[in-house]
Amino acid sequence: ECIVYGLYVLFNSALYDEYYRILNGSTQVNSTEINAMPVPDLESI
């Protein structure tokens, strides 16, 4: 549950939202691009 909530911190932050907008101009969130985004290590999440 802590990992899920940690992922929520990332994906609900303004920083990650802006990063994705820079990466992709469409309104679709693609799993390929999300899987290529930089993230902290598992322990930090």
All heavy atoms as atom14 arrays in JSON, in Angstrom:
{
  "sequence": "ECIVYGLYVLFNSALYDEYYRILNGSTQVNSTEINAMPVPDLESI",
  "atom14_mask": [
    [1, 1, 1, 1, 1, 1, 1, 1, 1, 0, 0, 0, 0, 0],
    [1, 1, 1, 1, 1, 1, 0, 0, 0, 0, 0, 0, 0, 0],
    [1, 1, 1, 1, 1, 1, 1, 1, 0, 0, 0, 0, 0, 0],
    [1, 1, 1, 1, 1, 1, 1, 0, 0, 0, 0, 0, 0, 0],
    [1, 1, 1, 1, 1, 1, 1, 1, 1, 1, 1, 1, 0, 0],
    [1, 1, 1, 1, 0, 0, 0, 0, 0, 0, 0, 0, 0, 0],
    [1, 1, 1, 1, 1, 1, 1, 1, 0, 0, 0, 0, 0, 0],
    [1, 1, 1, 1, 1, 1, 1, 1, 1, 1, 1, 1, 0, 0],
    [1, 1, 1, 1, 1, 1, 1, 0, 0, 0, 0, 0, 0, 0],
    [1, 1, 1, 1, 1, 1, 1, 1, 0, 0, 0, 0, 0, 0],
    [1, 1, 1, 1, 1, 1, 1, 1, 1, 1, 1, 0, 0, 0],
    [1, 1, 1, 1, 1, 1, 1, 1, 0, 0, 0, 0, 0, 0],
    [1, 1, 1, 1, 1, 1, 0, 0, 0, 0, 0, 0, 0, 0],
    [1, 1, 1, 1, 1, 0, 0, 0, 0, 0, 0, 0, 0, 0],
    [1, 1, 1, 1, 1, 1, 1, 1, 0, 0, 0, 0, 0, 0],
    [1, 1, 1, 1, 1, 1, 1, 1, 1, 1, 1, 1, 0, 0],
    [1, 1, 1, 1, 1, 1, 1, 1, 0, 0, 0, 0, 0, 0],
    [1, 1, 1, 1, 1, 1, 1, 1, 1, 0, 0, 0, 0, 0],
    [1, 1, 1, 1, 1, 1, 1, 1, 1, 1, 1, 1, 0, 0],
    [1, 1, 1, 1, 1, 1, 1, 1, 1, 1, 1, 1, 0, 0],
    [1, 1, 1, 1, 1, 1, 1, 1, 1, 1, 1, 0, 0, 0],
    [1, 1, 1, 1, 1, 1, 1, 1, 0, 0, 0, 0, 0, 0],
    [1, 1, 1, 1, 1, 1, 1, 1, 0, 0, 0, 0, 0, 0],
    [1, 1, 1, 1, 1, 1, 1, 1, 0, 0, 0, 0, 0, 0],
    [1, 1, 1, 1, 0, 0, 0, 0, 0, 0, 0, 0, 0, 0],
    [1, 1, 1, 1, 1, 1, 0, 0, 0, 0, 0, 0, 0, 0],
    [1, 1, 1, 1, 1, 1, 1, 0, 0, 0, 0, 0, 0, 0],
    [1, 1, 1, 1, 1, 1, 1, 1, 1, 0, 0, 0, 0, 0],
    [1, 1, 1, 1, 1, 1, 1, 0, 0, 0, 0, 0, 0, 0],
    [1, 1, 1, 1, 1, 1, 1, 1, 0, 0, 0, 0, 0, 0],
    [1, 1, 1, 1, 1, 1, 0, 0, 0, 0, 0, 0, 0, 0],
    [1, 1, 1, 1, 1, 1, 1, 0, 0, 0, 0, 0, 0, 0],
    [1, 1, 1, 1, 1, 1, 1, 1, 1, 0, 0, 0, 0, 0],
    [1, 1, 1, 1, 1, 1, 1, 1, 0, 0, 0, 0, 0, 0],
    [1, 1, 1, 1, 1, 1, 1, 1, 0, 0, 0, 0, 0, 0],
    [1, 1, 1, 1, 1, 0, 0, 0, 0, 0, 0, 0, 0, 0],
    [1, 1, 1, 1, 1, 1, 1, 1, 0, 0, 0, 0, 0, 0],
    [1, 1, 1, 1, 1, 1, 1, 0, 0, 0, 0, 0, 0, 0],
    [1, 1, 1, 1, 1, 1, 1, 0, 0, 0, 0, 0, 0, 0],
    [1, 1, 1, 1, 1, 1, 1, 0, 0, 0, 0, 0, 0, 0],
    [1, 1, 1, 1, 1, 1, 1, 1, 0, 0, 0, 0, 0, 0],
    [1, 1, 1, 1, 1, 1, 1, 1, 0, 0, 0, 0, 0, 0],
    [1, 1, 1, 1, 1, 1, 1, 1, 1, 0, 0, 0, 0, 0],
    [1, 1, 1, 1, 1, 1, 0, 0, 0, 0, 0, 0, 0, 0],
    [1, 1, 1, 1, 1, 1, 1, 1, 0, 0, 0, 0, 0, 0]
  ],
  "atom14_positions": [
    [[0.83, -1.21, 0.0], [0.0, 0.0, 0.0], [0.86, 1.25, 0.0], [0.53, 2.25, -0.64], [-0.95, -0.02, 1.2], [-2.01, -1.11, 1.1], [-3.05, -1.03, 2.2], [-3.09, -0.01, 2.92], [-3.84, -1.99, 2.35], [0.0, 0.0, 0.0], [0.0, 0.0, 0.0], [0.0, 0.0, 0.0], [0.0, 0.0, 0.0], [0.0, 0.0, 0.0]],
    [[2.01, 1.2, 0.7], [2.9, 2.37, 0.74], [3.45, 2.68, -0.65], [3.59, 3.85, -1.01], [4.06, 2.12, 1.72], [3.57, 2.27, 3.45], [0.0, 0.0, 0.0], [0.0, 0.0, 0.0], [0.0, 0.0, 0.0], [0.0, 0.0, 0.0], [0.0, 0.0, 0.0], [0.0, 0.0, 0.0], [0.0, 0.0, 0.0], [0.0, 0.0, 0.0]],
    [[3.76, 1.66, -1.44], [4.26, 1.89, -2.8], [3.17, 2.54, -3.65], [3.43, 3.49, -4.39], [4.75, 0.58, -3.44], [6.02, 0.09, -2.75], [5.0, 0.78, -4.94], [6.5, -1.26, -3.24], [0.0, 0.0, 0.0], [0.0, 0.0, 0.0], [0.0, 0.0, 0.0], [0.0, 0.0, 0.0], [0.0, 0.0, 0.0], [0.0, 0.0, 0.0]],
    [[1.92, 2.04, -3.53], [0.82, 2.62, -4.3], [0.63, 4.09, -3.93], [0.49, 4.95, -4.82], [-0.49, 1.83, -4.08], [-1.63, 2.49, -4.84], [-0.33, 0.4, -4.54], [0.0, 0.0, 0.0], [0.0, 0.0, 0.0], [0.0, 0.0, 0.0], [0.0, 0.0, 0.0], [0.0, 0.0, 0.0], [0.0, 0.0, 0.0], [0.0, 0.0, 0.0]],
    [[0.65, 4.39, -2.65], [0.49, 5.78, -2.23], [1.69, 6.62, -2.65], [1.56, 7.81, -2.97], [0.26, 5.86, -0.71], [-1.18, 5.63, -0.31], [-1.61, 4.38, 0.14], [-2.12, 6.65, -0.38], [-2.94, 4.15, 0.51], [-3.44, 6.45, -0.03], [-3.85, 5.19, 0.42], [-5.16, 4.98, 0.77], [0.0, 0.0, 0.0], [0.0, 0.0, 0.0]],
    [[2.88, 6.03, -2.66], [4.06, 6.75, -3.13], [3.96, 7.08, -4.6], [4.32, 8.18, -5.04], [0.0, 0.0, 0.0], [0.0, 0.0, 0.0], [0.0, 0.0, 0.0], [0.0, 0.0, 0.0], [0.0, 0.0, 0.0], [0.0, 0.0, 0.0], [0.0, 0.0, 0.0], [0.0, 0.0, 0.0], [0.0, 0.0, 0.0], [0.0, 0.0, 0.0]],
    [[3.46, 6.13, -5.4], [3.23, 6.4, -6.82], [2.19, 7.51, -6.99], [2.29, 8.34, -7.9], [2.76, 5.13, -7.52], [3.81, 4.03, -7.7], [3.15, 2.76, -8.22], [4.92, 4.47, -8.66], [0.0, 0.0, 0.0], [0.0, 0.0, 0.0], [0.0, 0.0, 0.0], [0.0, 0.0, 0.0], [0.0, 0.0, 0.0], [0.0, 0.0, 0.0]],
    [[1.2, 7.51, -6.12], [0.18, 8.57, -6.17], [0.83, 9.93, -5.95], [0.48, 10.91, -6.62], [-0.9, 8.31, -5.12], [-1.95, 9.4, -5.07], [-3.03, 9.38, -5.94], [-1.84, 10.46, -4.17], [-3.99, 10.39, -5.91], [-2.79, 11.47, -4.14], [-3.86, 11.44, -5.01], [-4.81, 12.44, -4.98], [0.0, 0.0, 0.0], [0.0, 0.0, 0.0]],
    [[1.79, 10.01, -5.02], [2.51, 11.27, -4.79], [3.13, 11.76, -6.1], [3.02, 12.94, -6.45], [3.6, 11.1, -3.71], [4.5, 12.34, -3.65], [2.98, 10.86, -2.34], [0.0, 0.0, 0.0], [0.0, 0.0, 0.0], [0.0, 0.0, 0.0], [0.0, 0.0, 0.0], [0.0, 0.0, 0.0], [0.0, 0.0, 0.0], [0.0, 0.0, 0.0]],
    [[3.79, 10.85, -6.83], [4.43, 11.23, -8.08], [3.4, 11.71, -9.1], [3.51, 12.81, -9.65], [5.21, 10.05, -8.67], [6.31, 9.4, -7.83], [7.03, 8.34, -8.65], [7.31, 10.44, -7.33], [0.0, 0.0, 0.0], [0.0, 0.0, 0.0], [0.0, 0.0, 0.0], [0.0, 0.0, 0.0], [0.0, 0.0, 0.0], [0.0, 0.0, 0.0]],
    [[2.41, 10.88, -9.35], [1.49, 11.14, -10.46], [0.43, 12.19, -10.13], [-0.23, 12.69, -11.04], [0.84, 9.83, -10.92], [1.78, 8.96, -11.7], [2.6, 8.05, -11.05], [1.88, 9.08, -13.07], [3.49, 7.27, -11.76], [2.76, 8.3, -13.79], [3.58, 7.4, -13.14], [0.0, 0.0, 0.0], [0.0, 0.0, 0.0], [0.0, 0.0, 0.0]],
    [[0.29, 12.54, -8.88], [-0.63, 13.62, -8.52], [0.1, 14.94, -8.31], [-0.52, 15.95, -8.01], [-1.42, 13.27, -7.26], [-2.61, 14.19, -7.03], [-3.42, 14.4, -7.93], [-2.71, 14.76, -5.84], [0.0, 0.0, 0.0], [0.0, 0.0, 0.0], [0.0, 0.0, 0.0], [0.0, 0.0, 0.0], [0.0, 0.0, 0.0], [0.0, 0.0, 0.0]],
    [[1.41, 14.95, -8.48], [2.18, 16.18, -8.29], [2.11, 17.06, -9.53], [1.91, 16.58, -10.65], [3.65, 15.84, -7.98], [4.28, 15.32, -9.15], [0.0, 0.0, 0.0], [0.0, 0.0, 0.0], [0.0, 0.0, 0.0], [0.0, 0.0, 0.0], [0.0, 0.0, 0.0], [0.0, 0.0, 0.0], [0.0, 0.0, 0.0], [0.0, 0.0, 0.0]],
    [[2.3, 18.34, -9.34], [2.34, 19.29, -10.46], [3.57, 19.04, -11.32], [3.53, 19.23, -12.54], [2.34, 20.72, -9.93], [0.0, 0.0, 0.0], [0.0, 0.0, 0.0], [0.0, 0.0, 0.0], [0.0, 0.0, 0.0], [0.0, 0.0, 0.0], [0.0, 0.0, 0.0], [0.0, 0.0, 0.0], [0.0, 0.0, 0.0], [0.0, 0.0, 0.0]],
    [[4.67, 18.59, -10.7], [5.93, 18.38, -11.42], [5.79, 17.28, -12.47], [6.17, 17.47, -13.63], [7.03, 18.01, -10.42], [8.47, 18.09, -10.93], [8.82, 19.5, -11.39], [9.44, 17.65, -9.84], [0.0, 0.0, 0.0], [0.0, 0.0, 0.0], [0.0, 0.0, 0.0], [0.0, 0.0, 0.0], [0.0, 0.0, 0.0], [0.0, 0.0, 0.0]],
    [[5.23, 16.14, -12.09], [5.08, 15.05, -13.05], [4.01, 15.36, -14.1], [4.13, 14.96, -15.26], [4.75, 13.74, -12.33], [6.01, 12.97, -11.97], [6.7, 13.25, -10.8], [6.52, 12.0, -12.81], [7.87, 12.58, -10.47], [7.69, 11.31, -12.5], [8.36, 11.62, -11.33], [9.53, 10.95, -11.02], [0.0, 0.0, 0.0], [0.0, 0.0, 0.0]],
    [[2.98, 16.1, -13.7], [1.95, 16.49, -14.67], [2.55, 17.39, -15.74], [2.3, 17.22, -16.94], [0.8, 17.19, -13.96], [-0.39, 17.42, -14.88], [-1.04, 16.42, -15.26], [-0.66, 18.58, -15.23], [0.0, 0.0, 0.0], [0.0, 0.0, 0.0], [0.0, 0.0, 0.0], [0.0, 0.0, 0.0], [0.0, 0.0, 0.0], [0.0, 0.0, 0.0]],
    [[3.36, 18.35, -15.31], [3.99, 19.27, -16.27], [5.0, 18.52, -17.14], [5.12, 18.77, -18.34], [4.69, 20.42, -15.53], [5.31, 21.47, -16.43], [4.3, 22.16, -17.33], [3.14, 22.33, -16.93], [4.69, 22.53, -18.46], [0.0, 0.0, 0.0], [0.0, 0.0, 0.0], [0.0, 0.0, 0.0], [0.0, 0.0, 0.0], [0.0, 0.0, 0.0]],
    [[5.74, 17.59, -16.53], [6.71, 16.79, -17.3], [6.01, 16.04, -18.42], [6.48, 16.01, -19.56], [7.41, 15.8, -16.36], [8.51, 15.0, -17.02], [9.84, 15.42, -16.95], [8.24, 13.83, -17.7], [10.86, 14.69, -17.54], [9.25, 13.09, -18.31], [10.56, 13.53, -18.21], [11.55, 12.8, -18.82], [0.0, 0.0, 0.0], [0.0, 0.0, 0.0]],
    [[4.86, 15.44, -18.1], [4.15, 14.68, -19.13], [3.62, 15.59, -20.23], [3.63, 15.23, -21.41], [3.01, 13.86, -18.53], [2.49, 12.84, -19.52], [3.17, 11.65, -19.72], [1.38, 13.12, -20.31], [2.73, 10.74, -20.67], [0.94, 12.22, -21.27], [1.62, 11.03, -21.44], [1.2, 10.13, -22.4], [0.0, 0.0, 0.0], [0.0, 0.0, 0.0]],
    [[3.18, 16.79, -19.87], [2.7, 17.73, -20.88], [3.82, 18.17, -21.82], [3.61, 18.39, -23.01], [2.09, 18.96, -20.2], [0.73, 18.72, -19.57], [0.26, 19.97, -18.83], [-1.04, 19.75, -18.21], [-2.2, 19.99, -18.8], [-2.23, 20.42, -20.03], [-3.34, 19.78, -18.17], [0.0, 0.0, 0.0], [0.0, 0.0, 0.0], [0.0, 0.0, 0.0]],
    [[5.03, 18.3, -21.26], [6.18, 18.64, -22.1], [6.48, 17.5, -23.05], [6.8, 17.7, -24.23], [7.42, 18.94, -21.22], [7.19, 20.19, -20.36], [8.68, 19.11, -22.08], [8.24, 20.4, -19.3], [0.0, 0.0, 0.0], [0.0, 0.0, 0.0], [0.0, 0.0, 0.0], [0.0, 0.0, 0.0], [0.0, 0.0, 0.0], [0.0, 0.0, 0.0]],
    [[6.36, 16.28, -22.56], [6.7, 15.09, -23.34], [5.65, 14.79, -24.41], [5.98, 14.38, -25.52], [6.83, 13.89, -22.4], [7.1, 12.52, -23.01], [8.41, 12.52, -23.8], [7.15, 11.46, -21.92], [0.0, 0.0, 0.0], [0.0, 0.0, 0.0], [0.0, 0.0, 0.0], [0.0, 0.0, 0.0], [0.0, 0.0, 0.0], [0.0, 0.0, 0.0]],
    [[4.38, 15.0, -24.09], [3.31, 14.59, -24.99], [2.26, 15.68, -25.07], [1.68, 16.07, -24.07], [2.68, 13.29, -24.47], [1.63, 12.72, -25.4], [0.78, 13.43, -25.91], [1.68, 11.43, -25.63], [0.0, 0.0, 0.0], [0.0, 0.0, 0.0], [0.0, 0.0, 0.0], [0.0, 0.0, 0.0], [0.0, 0.0, 0.0], [0.0, 0.0, 0.0]],
    [[1.99, 16.15, -26.29], [1.03, 17.24, -26.47], [-0.4, 16.79, -26.6], [-1.3, 17.6, -26.64], [0.0, 0.0, 0.0], [0.0, 0.0, 0.0], [0.0, 0.0, 0.0], [0.0, 0.0, 0.0], [0.0, 0.0, 0.0], [0.0, 0.0, 0.0], [0.0, 0.0, 0.0], [0.0, 0.0, 0.0], [0.0, 0.0, 0.0], [0.0, 0.0, 0.0]],
    [[-0.63, 15.47, -26.65], [-2.01, 15.0, -26.83], [-2.7, 14.86, -25.48], [-2.09, 15.04, -24.43], [-2.01, 13.64, -27.54], [-1.63, 12.6, -26.66], [0.0, 0.0, 0.0], [0.0, 0.0, 0.0], [0.0, 0.0, 0.0], [0.0, 0.0, 0.0], [0.0, 0.0, 0.0], [0.0, 0.0, 0.0], [0.0, 0.0, 0.0], [0.0, 0.0, 0.0]],
    [[-3.98, 14.52, -25.51], [-4.74, 14.33, -24.27], [-4.73, 12.88, -23.84], [-5.41, 12.51, -22.89], [-6.19, 14.8, -24.47], [-6.76, 14.09, -25.58], [-6.25, 16.28, -24.74], [0.0, 0.0, 0.0], [0.0, 0.0, 0.0], [0.0, 0.0, 0.0], [0.0, 0.0, 0.0], [0.0, 0.0, 0.0], [0.0, 0.0, 0.0], [0.0, 0.0, 0.0]],
    [[-3.98, 12.04, -24.51], [-3.92, 10.62, -24.16], [-2.68, 10.33, -23.34], [-1.59, 10.78, -23.67], [-3.92, 9.76, -25.42], [-3.9, 8.26, -25.13], [-4.11, 7.43, -26.37], [-4.65, 7.89, -27.36], [-3.67, 6.19, -26.33], [0.0, 0.0, 0.0], [0.0, 0.0, 0.0], [0.0, 0.0, 0.0], [0.0, 0.0, 0.0], [0.0, 0.0, 0.0]],
    [[-2.84, 9.59, -22.26], [-1.72, 9.17, -21.43], [-1.3, 7.78, -21.88], [-2.03, 6.8, -21.69], [-2.11, 9.17, -19.94], [-0.95, 8.65, -19.09], [-2.5, 10.57, -19.49], [0.0, 0.0, 0.0], [0.0, 0.0, 0.0], [0.0, 0.0, 0.0], [0.0, 0.0, 0.0], [0.0, 0.0, 0.0], [0.0, 0.0, 0.0], [0.0, 0.0, 0.0]],
    [[-0.13, 7.69, -22.49], [0.35, 6.44, -23.06], [1.26, 5.71, -22.1], [2.19, 6.29, -21.54], [1.13, 6.71, -24.37], [0.24, 7.29, -25.45], [-0.84, 6.79, -25.69], [0.69, 8.36, -26.08], [0.0, 0.0, 0.0], [0.0, 0.0, 0.0], [0.0, 0.0, 0.0], [0.0, 0.0, 0.0], [0.0, 0.0, 0.0], [0.0, 0.0, 0.0]],
    [[1.01, 4.42, -21.94], [1.81, 3.63, -21.01], [3.28, 3.57, -21.43], [4.18, 3.56, -20.58], [1.24, 2.22, -20.88], [1.15, 1.59, -22.13], [0.0, 0.0, 0.0], [0.0, 0.0, 0.0], [0.0, 0.0, 0.0], [0.0, 0.0, 0.0], [0.0, 0.0, 0.0], [0.0, 0.0, 0.0], [0.0, 0.0, 0.0], [0.0, 0.0, 0.0]],
    [[3.55, 3.55, -22.74], [4.94, 3.5, -23.22], [5.72, 4.7, -22.7], [6.87, 4.56, -22.24], [4.98, 3.48, -24.76], [4.28, 2.35, -25.23], [6.41, 3.43, -25.26], [0.0, 0.0, 0.0], [0.0, 0.0, 0.0], [0.0, 0.0, 0.0], [0.0, 0.0, 0.0], [0.0, 0.0, 0.0], [0.0, 0.0, 0.0], [0.0, 0.0, 0.0]],
    [[5.12, 5.88, -22.77], [5.82, 7.09, -22.32], [5.94, 7.14, -20.81], [6.98, 7.56, -20.28], [5.08, 8.31, -22.86], [5.19, 8.44, -24.37], [4.2, 9.39, -24.98], [3.26, 9.81, -24.29], [4.36, 9.7, -26.16], [0.0, 0.0, 0.0], [0.0, 0.0, 0.0], [0.0, 0.0, 0.0], [0.0, 0.0, 0.0], [0.0, 0.0, 0.0]],
    [[4.9, 6.72, -20.1], [4.97, 6.69, -18.64], [6.09, 5.75, -18.19], [6.85, 6.06, -17.27], [3.63, 6.26, -18.03], [2.54, 7.29, -18.33], [3.76, 6.03, -16.52], [2.73, 8.64, -17.67], [0.0, 0.0, 0.0], [0.0, 0.0, 0.0], [0.0, 0.0, 0.0], [0.0, 0.0, 0.0], [0.0, 0.0, 0.0], [0.0, 0.0, 0.0]],
    [[6.2, 4.6, -18.84], [7.24, 3.63, -18.46], [8.64, 4.11, -18.77], [9.62, 3.52, -18.3], [6.97, 2.29, -19.14], [5.79, 1.56, -18.55], [5.55, 1.61, -17.34], [5.0, 0.9, -19.39], [0.0, 0.0, 0.0], [0.0, 0.0, 0.0], [0.0, 0.0, 0.0], [0.0, 0.0, 0.0], [0.0, 0.0, 0.0], [0.0, 0.0, 0.0]],
    [[8.77, 5.16, -19.57], [10.08, 5.73, -19.89], [10.41, 6.95, -19.03], [11.54, 7.45, -19.08], [10.14, 6.11, -21.36], [0.0, 0.0, 0.0], [0.0, 0.0, 0.0], [0.0, 0.0, 0.0], [0.0, 0.0, 0.0], [0.0, 0.0, 0.0], [0.0, 0.0, 0.0], [0.0, 0.0, 0.0], [0.0, 0.0, 0.0], [0.0, 0.0, 0.0]],
    [[9.46, 7.42, -18.22], [9.7, 8.61, -17.41], [10.63, 8.3, -16.24], [10.6, 7.2, -15.68], [8.36, 9.15, -16.87], [7.5, 9.82, -17.92], [5.82, 10.19, -17.35], [6.14, 11.36, -16.04], [0.0, 0.0, 0.0], [0.0, 0.0, 0.0], [0.0, 0.0, 0.0], [0.0, 0.0, 0.0], [0.0, 0.0, 0.0], [0.0, 0.0, 0.0]],
    [[11.47, 9.25, -15.85], [12.36, 9.02, -14.7], [11.59, 9.02, -13.38], [10.7, 9.86, -13.18], [13.33, 10.19, -14.77], [12.61, 11.26, -15.52], [11.68, 10.57, -16.47], [0.0, 0.0, 0.0], [0.0, 0.0, 0.0], [0.0, 0.0, 0.0], [0.0, 0.0, 0.0], [0.0, 0.0, 0.0], [0.0, 0.0, 0.0], [0.0, 0.0, 0.0]],
    [[11.92, 8.08, -12.51], [11.27, 7.98, -11.19], [12.33, 7.71, -10.13], [13.42, 7.22, -10.43], [10.19, 6.85, -11.16], [9.06, 7.15, -12.12], [10.82, 5.49, -11.45], [0.0, 0.0, 0.0], [0.0, 0.0, 0.0], [0.0, 0.0, 0.0], [0.0, 0.0, 0.0], [0.0, 0.0, 0.0], [0.0, 0.0, 0.0], [0.0, 0.0, 0.0]],
    [[12.02, 8.02, -8.86], [12.96, 7.68, -7.77], [13.07, 6.17, -7.59], [12.34, 5.39, -8.2], [12.29, 8.33, -6.55], [11.27, 9.27, -7.07], [10.83, 8.71, -8.38], [0.0, 0.0, 0.0], [0.0, 0.0, 0.0], [0.0, 0.0, 0.0], [0.0, 0.0, 0.0], [0.0, 0.0, 0.0], [0.0, 0.0, 0.0], [0.0, 0.0, 0.0]],
    [[13.99, 5.74, -6.72], [14.12, 4.31, -6.43], [12.91, 3.85, -5.61], [12.16, 4.66, -5.05], [15.42, 4.02, -5.68], [15.54, 4.81, -4.38], [14.8, 4.51, -3.43], [16.35, 5.77, -4.34], [0.0, 0.0, 0.0], [0.0, 0.0, 0.0], [0.0, 0.0, 0.0], [0.0, 0.0, 0.0], [0.0, 0.0, 0.0], [0.0, 0.0, 0.0]],
    [[12.71, 2.54, -5.54], [11.52, 1.96, -4.9], [11.43, 2.34, -3.42], [10.35, 2.61, -2.9], [11.54, 0.44, -5.06], [10.22, -0.29, -4.83], [9.16, 0.19, -5.81], [10.41, -1.8, -4.95], [0.0, 0.0, 0.0], [0.0, 0.0, 0.0], [0.0, 0.0, 0.0], [0.0, 0.0, 0.0], [0.0, 0.0, 0.0], [0.0, 0.0, 0.0]],
    [[12.57, 2.36, -2.76], [12.58, 2.69, -1.32], [12.08, 4.13, -1.1], [11.31, 4.38, -0.17], [14.0, 2.53, -0.78], [14.09, 2.66, 0.74], [15.49, 2.4, 1.26], [16.2, 1.53, 0.69], [15.89, 3.07, 2.23], [0.0, 0.0, 0.0], [0.0, 0.0, 0.0], [0.0, 0.0, 0.0], [0.0, 0.0, 0.0], [0.0, 0.0, 0.0]],
    [[12.51, 5.04, -1.96], [12.06, 6.44, -1.82], [10.57, 6.57, -2.09], [9.86, 7.31, -1.4], [12.85, 7.34, -2.78], [14.22, 7.34, -2.47], [0.0, 0.0, 0.0], [0.0, 0.0, 0.0], [0.0, 0.0, 0.0], [0.0, 0.0, 0.0], [0.0, 0.0, 0.0], [0.0, 0.0, 0.0], [0.0, 0.0, 0.0], [0.0, 0.0, 0.0]],
    [[10.09, 5.85, -3.1], [8.65, 5.89, -3.41], [7.85, 5.35, -2.23], [6.81, 5.92, -1.85], [8.36, 5.08, -4.69], [8.96, 5.79, -5.92], [6.85, 4.89, -4.9], [8.86, 5.0, -7.22], [0.0, 0.0, 0.0], [0.0, 0.0, 0.0], [0.0, 0.0, 0.0], [0.0, 0.0, 0.0], [0.0, 0.0, 0.0], [0.0, 0.0, 0.0]]
  ]
}
